[in-house]
Amino acid sequence: SCVRFSEADKLVSASGDSTVLLWDLETKSVIWNGTSHKGDVMSVAIPHKHPNTILSGACDSTVKLWDPRTADGCVMTMEGHTSDINSVDISQDGIIGLSGSDDDTV
């Protein structure tokens, strides 16, 4: 559904199989797998100053904040939308996250 560069040699992907994956571009392999969404993941965002922070939005109406360095990976789940989340973005300093949904809210 969506891909973003995390660092020069890493890529984050959002997928219809409810996963957020972190890829190593040199080895072309998955190095981390986020699996706690319950619907298609539509969007991911990564702030440049914090490449280990990933924000994702999905069709389960949740936004998740991830840190692949932690045991679970998901450090926060945010609820509030009543429909699919189609886009997320995060400020470059990693402080403000935004989400856009089919429920006509941001």
Protein backbone atom coordinates (compact mmCIF):
# COMPACT_ATOMS: atom_id res chain seq x y z
CA SER A 1 0.00 0.00 0.00
CA CYS A 2 2.84 2.41 0.85
CA VAL A 3 6.64 2.56 1.08
CA ARG A 4 9.01 5.06 2.69
CA PHE A 5 12.77 5.25 3.05
CA SER A 6 13.75 4.94 6.70
CA GLU A 7 17.48 5.42 6.21
CA ALA A 8 19.72 5.24 3.16
CA ASP A 9 19.84 1.46 3.36
CA LYS A 10 16.39 0.71 4.85
CA LEU A 11 12.80 0.85 3.63
CA VAL A 12 9.48 0.59 5.49
CA SER A 13 6.45 -0.89 3.74
CA ALA A 14 2.74 -0.93 4.60
CA SER A 15 0.74 -3.82 3.25
CA GLY A 16 -2.70 -5.29 2.66
CA ASP A 17 -1.72 -8.28 4.79
CA SER A 18 -1.90 -6.05 7.93
CA THR A 19 1.88 -5.78 8.32
CA VAL A 20 4.45 -3.03 8.61
CA LEU A 21 7.81 -4.33 7.42
CA LEU A 22 11.32 -2.92 7.76
CA TRP A 23 13.57 -4.00 4.89
CA ASP A 24 17.34 -4.06 4.53
CA LEU A 25 17.94 -2.84 0.97
CA GLU A 26 21.41 -4.36 0.71
CA THR A 27 20.29 -7.89 1.56
CA LYS A 28 16.74 -7.42 0.20
CA SER A 29 15.38 -9.05 3.34
CA VAL A 30 12.86 -8.22 6.06
CA ILE A 31 14.64 -7.33 9.31
CA TRP A 32 11.54 -6.50 11.38
CA ASN A 33 7.84 -7.33 11.11
CA GLY A 34 5.07 -5.33 12.83
CA THR A 35 1.89 -7.40 13.01
CA SER A 36 -0.58 -5.86 15.47
CA HIS A 37 -2.87 -4.12 12.96
CA LYS A 38 -6.17 -5.92 12.31
CA GLY A 39 -6.73 -4.54 8.80
CA ASP A 40 -4.91 -3.45 5.65
CA VAL A 41 -2.13 -0.99 6.48
CA MET A 42 -2.59 1.93 4.12
CA SER A 43 0.16 4.37 5.07
CA VAL A 44 3.45 4.76 6.94
CA ALA A 45 5.54 7.77 7.88
CA ILE A 46 9.03 8.16 9.38
CA PRO A 47 10.52 11.39 10.76
CA HIS A 48 14.01 12.11 9.40
CA LYS A 49 15.43 12.91 12.84
CA HIS A 50 14.12 9.66 14.35
CA PRO A 51 14.48 6.85 11.77
CA ASN A 52 13.57 4.23 14.39
CA THR A 53 10.10 5.74 14.79
CA ILE A 54 7.36 4.55 12.43
CA LEU A 55 3.78 5.79 12.31
CA SER A 56 1.19 3.63 10.54
CA GLY A 57 -2.50 3.92 9.71
CA ALA A 58 -4.81 1.08 8.74
CA CYS A 59 -8.30 -0.03 7.84
CA ASP A 60 -8.80 -1.13 11.46
CA SER A 61 -9.27 2.61 12.24
CA THR A 62 -6.11 2.77 14.36
CA VAL A 63 -2.83 4.62 14.15
CA LYS A 64 0.16 2.84 15.63
CA LEU A 65 3.52 4.18 16.74
CA TRP A 66 6.32 1.66 16.32
CA ASP A 67 9.89 1.31 17.47
CA PRO A 68 11.44 -1.80 15.90
CA ARG A 69 14.16 -1.80 18.59
CA THR A 70 11.62 -2.74 21.30
CA ALA A 71 10.45 -6.29 22.03
CA ASP A 72 6.84 -5.78 20.88
CA GLY A 73 7.56 -3.07 18.34
CA CYS A 74 4.24 -1.29 18.89
CA VAL A 75 4.71 1.34 21.57
CA MET A 76 1.33 3.07 21.21
CA THR A 77 -2.05 2.46 19.58
CA MET A 78 -4.27 5.48 18.95
CA GLU A 79 -8.00 5.15 18.40
CA GLY A 80 -10.62 7.73 17.50
CA HIS A 81 -11.38 7.36 13.81
CA THR A 82 -14.56 5.53 12.87
CA SER A 83 -13.45 4.38 9.42
CA ASP A 84 -10.39 3.39 7.37
CA ILE A 85 -7.26 5.51 7.80
CA ASN A 86 -5.79 6.27 4.38
CA SER A 87 -2.84 8.48 5.23
CA VAL A 88 -0.51 9.36 8.07
CA ASP A 89 2.34 11.80 8.43
CA ILE A 90 4.67 12.76 11.25
CA SER A 91 6.61 15.95 11.82
CA GLN A 92 10.33 15.78 11.16
CA ASP A 93 11.08 16.12 14.88
CA GLY A 94 8.74 13.18 15.60
CA ILE A 95 6.48 15.17 17.94
CA ILE A 96 3.28 15.63 15.90
CA GLY A 97 1.49 12.84 14.07
CA LEU A 98 -1.49 13.28 11.76
CA SER A 99 -3.93 10.86 10.20
CA GLY A 100 -6.59 11.20 7.52
CA SER A 101 -9.60 8.91 7.41
CA ASP A 102 -12.65 7.95 5.36
CA ASP A 103 -14.68 9.33 8.30
CA ASP A 104 -13.85 12.85 6.94
CA THR A 105 -11.61 13.76 9.88
CA VAL A 106 -7.93 14.51 10.40
